[in-house]
């Protein structure tokens, strides 16, 4: 069972990813670090608004910032995305196993001699 801290971290991450602008920022950062101004270019919102989106992503531990002379590039946190993927995969794998079991039962029913197959 997950701890409350892990649940809170998942909640923050999924809440952050619920916004389409933040998802596009994550997609852009998957190609490499960028400054706030670079991240703001494709949007018709202010750099201050983009900065607020980045703070939400930072709070969710999905991105980090560093200092490079005068630049403060934003970086994707791939470890956090991997943790989200692992959480999703746990449930996906359980569901896939259930479907494989159902497929096996249906295949067995269909292949038994003298039994009518599916319509």
Protein backbone atom coordinates (compact mmCIF):
# COMPACT_ATOMS: atom_id res chain seq x y z
CA UNK A 1 0.00 0.00 0.00
CA UNK A 2 1.19 3.49 -0.80
CA UNK A 3 2.04 6.02 1.88
CA UNK A 4 0.23 9.30 2.20
CA UNK A 5 3.35 11.13 0.93
CA UNK A 6 3.39 8.98 -2.22
CA UNK A 7 -0.32 9.60 -2.74
CA UNK A 8 0.20 13.35 -2.32
CA UNK A 9 3.06 13.29 -4.84
CA UNK A 10 0.88 11.41 -7.34
CA UNK A 11 -1.97 13.86 -6.81
CA UNK A 12 0.32 16.86 -7.41
CA UNK A 13 1.81 15.30 -10.54
CA UNK A 14 -1.50 14.30 -12.12
CA UNK A 15 -3.06 17.65 -11.20
CA UNK A 16 -0.12 19.42 -12.84
CA UNK A 17 -0.47 17.28 -15.97
CA UNK A 18 -4.21 17.94 -16.18
CA UNK A 19 -3.52 21.34 -17.76
CA UNK A 20 -2.85 21.32 -21.53
CA UNK A 21 -0.30 24.15 -21.33
CA UNK A 22 1.71 22.29 -18.71
CA UNK A 23 1.59 19.12 -20.83
CA UNK A 24 2.94 21.11 -23.79
CA UNK A 25 5.71 22.52 -21.57
CA UNK A 26 6.63 18.97 -20.53
CA UNK A 27 6.60 17.89 -24.19
CA UNK A 28 8.92 20.78 -25.09
CA UNK A 29 11.28 20.00 -22.21
CA UNK A 30 11.50 16.39 -23.36
CA UNK A 31 13.65 17.76 -26.21
CA UNK A 32 15.99 19.58 -23.82
CA UNK A 33 16.18 22.38 -21.26
CA UNK A 34 14.68 25.79 -22.02
CA UNK A 35 14.29 29.19 -20.39
CA UNK A 36 10.94 30.63 -19.39
CA UNK A 37 11.05 32.96 -22.39
CA UNK A 38 11.72 30.03 -24.73
CA UNK A 39 8.89 28.06 -23.15
CA UNK A 40 6.52 31.03 -23.47
CA UNK A 41 7.11 31.54 -27.22
CA UNK A 42 4.38 29.22 -28.59
CA UNK A 43 1.72 30.45 -26.15
CA UNK A 44 -0.44 33.55 -26.29
CA UNK A 45 0.01 34.07 -22.54
CA UNK A 46 2.50 36.17 -20.60
CA UNK A 47 5.84 34.91 -19.40
CA UNK A 48 4.51 35.47 -15.87
CA UNK A 49 1.71 33.02 -16.58
CA UNK A 50 4.21 30.50 -17.96
CA UNK A 51 6.31 31.01 -14.82
CA UNK A 52 3.26 30.13 -12.71
CA UNK A 53 2.76 26.96 -14.75
CA UNK A 54 6.42 26.09 -14.22
CA UNK A 55 6.05 26.59 -10.46
CA UNK A 56 3.16 24.10 -10.47
CA UNK A 57 5.35 21.63 -12.39
CA UNK A 58 8.20 22.25 -9.91
CA UNK A 59 5.87 21.67 -6.97
CA UNK A 60 4.91 18.35 -8.58
CA UNK A 61 8.65 17.58 -8.98
CA UNK A 62 8.20 17.19 -12.74
CA UNK A 63 10.73 19.91 -13.59
CA UNK A 64 13.73 21.56 -11.97
CA UNK A 65 15.57 24.83 -12.57
CA UNK A 66 19.27 25.47 -12.60
CA UNK A 67 21.43 28.54 -12.93
CA UNK A 68 23.72 28.95 -15.92
CA UNK A 69 25.30 32.41 -15.69
CA UNK A 70 22.35 34.74 -16.43
CA UNK A 71 20.10 31.94 -17.67
CA UNK A 72 17.82 29.87 -15.46
CA UNK A 73 16.96 26.90 -17.67
CA UNK A 74 14.10 24.60 -16.78
CA UNK A 75 14.83 20.87 -16.99
CA UNK A 76 12.53 17.89 -17.19
CA UNK A 77 12.78 15.48 -14.24
CA UNK A 78 12.71 12.13 -16.08
CA UNK A 79 12.87 10.14 -12.83
CA UNK A 80 9.52 11.61 -11.73
CA UNK A 81 7.93 10.81 -15.09
CA UNK A 82 9.29 7.28 -14.81
CA UNK A 83 7.68 6.95 -11.37
CA UNK A 84 4.32 8.01 -12.84
CA UNK A 85 4.71 5.55 -15.70
CA UNK A 86 5.55 2.76 -13.25
CA UNK A 87 2.43 3.54 -11.23
CA UNK A 88 0.26 3.45 -14.35
CA UNK A 89 1.94 0.26 -15.60
CA UNK A 90 1.10 -1.61 -12.39
CA UNK A 91 -2.59 -1.24 -13.11
CA UNK A 92 -2.25 -1.69 -16.85
CA UNK A 93 -0.41 -4.99 -16.38
CA UNK A 94 -3.07 -6.27 -13.98
CA UNK A 95 -5.80 -5.43 -16.48
CA UNK A 96 -3.88 -7.02 -19.37
CA UNK A 97 -3.45 -10.24 -17.35
CA UNK A 98 -7.19 -10.31 -16.72
CA UNK A 99 -7.89 -9.91 -20.44
CA UNK A 100 -5.40 -12.66 -21.32
CA UNK A 101 -7.19 -14.95 -18.86
CA UNK A 102 -10.53 -14.11 -20.44
CA UNK A 103 -9.10 -14.71 -23.92
CA UNK A 104 -7.83 -18.13 -22.80
CA UNK A 105 -11.25 -19.10 -21.44
CA UNK A 106 -12.99 -17.94 -24.62
CA UNK A 107 -10.47 -19.78 -26.77
CA UNK A 108 -10.97 -22.96 -24.74
CA UNK A 109 -14.75 -22.67 -25.02
CA UNK A 110 -14.53 -22.09 -28.75
CA UNK A 111 -12.16 -25.00 -29.37
CA UNK A 112 -14.00 -27.68 -27.35
CA UNK A 113 -15.48 -30.33 -29.68
CA UNK A 114 -19.24 -30.42 -29.89
CA UNK A 115 -19.64 -26.98 -28.43
CA UNK A 116 -21.04 -24.24 -30.61
CA UNK A 117 -18.59 -21.41 -31.24
CA UNK A 118 -19.36 -17.76 -30.84
CA UNK A 119 -22.00 -16.40 -33.18
